[in-house]
Amino acid sequence: MRGLDVTLTPFLLMDIPPQNPEGQPAFPWRGRIASGSDGNAAAADDVAAFLGAAARDDFRLDGDRVV
């Protein structure tokens, strides 16, 4: 490998059209996924639960894209 580290920073962007049935404000709504845990071990457990069984070998480079 290239010796690079990766940091996953989940970020949500939802397209909410005007006059939606929920009455939410129109585009865009943005939010971050945050851990409700204090401390690194508990936060690591939250990330592991979010990623499930995904592992580094489940992904590969296809040109400049990760697939």
C-alpha atoms as a PDB file:
ATOM      1  CA  MET A   1       0.000   0.000   0.000  1.00  0.00           C
ATOM      2  CA  ARG A   2       0.980   3.644  -0.098  1.00  0.00           C
ATOM      3  CA  GLY A   3       1.295   4.129   3.669  1.00  0.00           C
ATOM      4  CA  LEU A   4      -1.715   6.461   3.833  1.00  0.00           C
ATOM      5  CA  ASP A   5      -4.202   6.635   6.690  1.00  0.00           C
ATOM      6  CA  VAL A   6      -7.912   7.132   6.157  1.00  0.00           C
ATOM      7  CA  THR A   7     -10.355   8.945   8.411  1.00  0.00           C
ATOM      8  CA  LEU A   8     -14.062   8.312   7.965  1.00  0.00           C
ATOM      9  CA  THR A   9     -16.110  11.436   8.636  1.00  0.00           C
ATOM     10  CA  PRO A  10     -19.777  10.647   7.981  1.00  0.00           C
ATOM     11  CA  PHE A  11     -21.698  13.626   6.674  1.00  0.00           C
ATOM     12  CA  LEU A  12     -25.339  13.596   5.610  1.00  0.00           C
ATOM     13  CA  LEU A  13     -26.858  15.736   2.885  1.00  0.00           C
ATOM     14  CA  MET A  14     -30.561  15.270   2.298  1.00  0.00           C
ATOM     15  CA  ASP A  15     -32.477  16.817  -0.576  1.00  0.00           C
ATOM     16  CA  ILE A  16     -35.740  18.032   0.934  1.00  0.00           C
ATOM     17  CA  PRO A  17     -37.997  19.601  -1.702  1.00  0.00           C
ATOM     18  CA  PRO A  18     -40.264  22.568  -0.964  1.00  0.00           C
ATOM     19  CA  GLN A  19     -43.817  21.706   0.119  1.00  0.00           C
ATOM     20  CA  ASN A  20     -42.769  18.283   1.411  1.00  0.00           C
ATOM     21  CA  PRO A  21     -45.361  16.311   3.402  1.00  0.00           C
ATOM     22  CA  GLU A  22     -43.384  16.614   6.641  1.00  0.00           C
ATOM     23  CA  GLY A  23     -43.283  20.419   6.499  1.00  0.00           C
ATOM     24  CA  GLN A  24     -39.481  20.455   6.818  1.00  0.00           C
ATOM     25  CA  PRO A  25     -37.423  23.391   5.533  1.00  0.00           C
ATOM     26  CA  ALA A  26     -36.423  23.084   1.866  1.00  0.00           C
ATOM     27  CA  PHE A  27     -32.966  22.130   0.607  1.00  0.00           C
ATOM     28  CA  PRO A  28     -30.552  21.301   1.921  1.00  0.00           C
ATOM     29  CA  TRP A  29     -30.531  19.782   5.356  1.00  0.00           C
ATOM     30  CA  ARG A  30     -27.069  18.794   6.495  1.00  0.00           C
ATOM     31  CA  GLY A  31     -25.923  16.994   9.566  1.00  0.00           C
ATOM     32  CA  ARG A  32     -23.066  15.063  11.030  1.00  0.00           C
ATOM     33  CA  ILE A  33     -23.194  11.653  12.631  1.00  0.00           C
ATOM     34  CA  ALA A  34     -21.678  11.975  16.075  1.00  0.00           C
ATOM     35  CA  SER A  35     -20.859   9.408  18.690  1.00  0.00           C
ATOM     36  CA  GLY A  36     -22.869   9.706  21.860  1.00  0.00           C
ATOM     37  CA  SER A  37     -20.044   7.960  23.685  1.00  0.00           C
ATOM     38  CA  ASP A  38     -17.371   9.466  25.871  1.00  0.00           C
ATOM     39  CA  GLY A  39     -13.895   8.067  25.432  1.00  0.00           C
ATOM     40  CA  ASN A  40     -12.029   6.430  22.582  1.00  0.00           C
ATOM     41  CA  ALA A  41     -12.960   2.789  23.299  1.00  0.00           C
ATOM     42  CA  ALA A  42     -16.700   3.475  23.314  1.00  0.00           C
ATOM     43  CA  ALA A  43     -16.415   5.687  20.210  1.00  0.00           C
ATOM     44  CA  ALA A  44     -14.482   2.896  18.457  1.00  0.00           C
ATOM     45  CA  ASP A  45     -17.353   0.528  19.307  1.00  0.00           C
ATOM     46  CA  ASP A  46     -19.825   3.016  17.777  1.00  0.00           C
ATOM     47  CA  VAL A  47     -17.781   3.213  14.566  1.00  0.00           C
ATOM     48  CA  ALA A  48     -17.490  -0.583  14.395  1.00  0.00           C
ATOM     49  CA  ALA A  49     -21.267  -0.894  14.783  1.00  0.00           C
ATOM     50  CA  PHE A  50     -21.790   1.679  12.006  1.00  0.00           C
ATOM     51  CA  LEU A  51     -19.382  -0.025   9.571  1.00  0.00           C
ATOM     52  CA  GLY A  52     -20.531  -3.560  10.317  1.00  0.00           C
ATOM     53  CA  ALA A  53     -18.305  -6.248   8.827  1.00  0.00           C
ATOM     54  CA  ALA A  54     -16.672  -3.960   6.221  1.00  0.00           C
ATOM     55  CA  ALA A  55     -12.914  -4.438   6.110  1.00  0.00           C
ATOM     56  CA  ARG A  56     -10.063  -2.869   4.175  1.00  0.00           C
ATOM     57  CA  ASP A  57      -9.863  -5.815   1.804  1.00  0.00           C
ATOM     58  CA  ASP A  58     -13.529  -5.302   0.813  1.00  0.00           C
ATOM     59  CA  PHE A  59     -12.481  -2.209  -1.180  1.00  0.00           C
ATOM     60  CA  ARG A  60     -10.121  -1.553  -4.078  1.00  0.00           C
ATOM     61  CA  LEU A  61      -8.949   1.346  -6.225  1.00  0.00           C
ATOM     62  CA  ASP A  62     -10.417   1.725  -9.693  1.00  0.00           C
ATOM     63  CA  GLY A  63      -8.426   4.595 -11.150  1.00  0.00           C
ATOM     64  CA  ASP A  64      -8.997   7.444  -8.694  1.00  0.00           C
ATOM     65  CA  ARG A  65     -12.152   5.909  -7.186  1.00  0.00           C
ATOM     66  CA  VAL A  66     -12.559   3.519  -4.280  1.00  0.00           C
ATOM     67  CA  VAL A  67     -14.989   0.719  -5.159  1.00  0.00           C
END
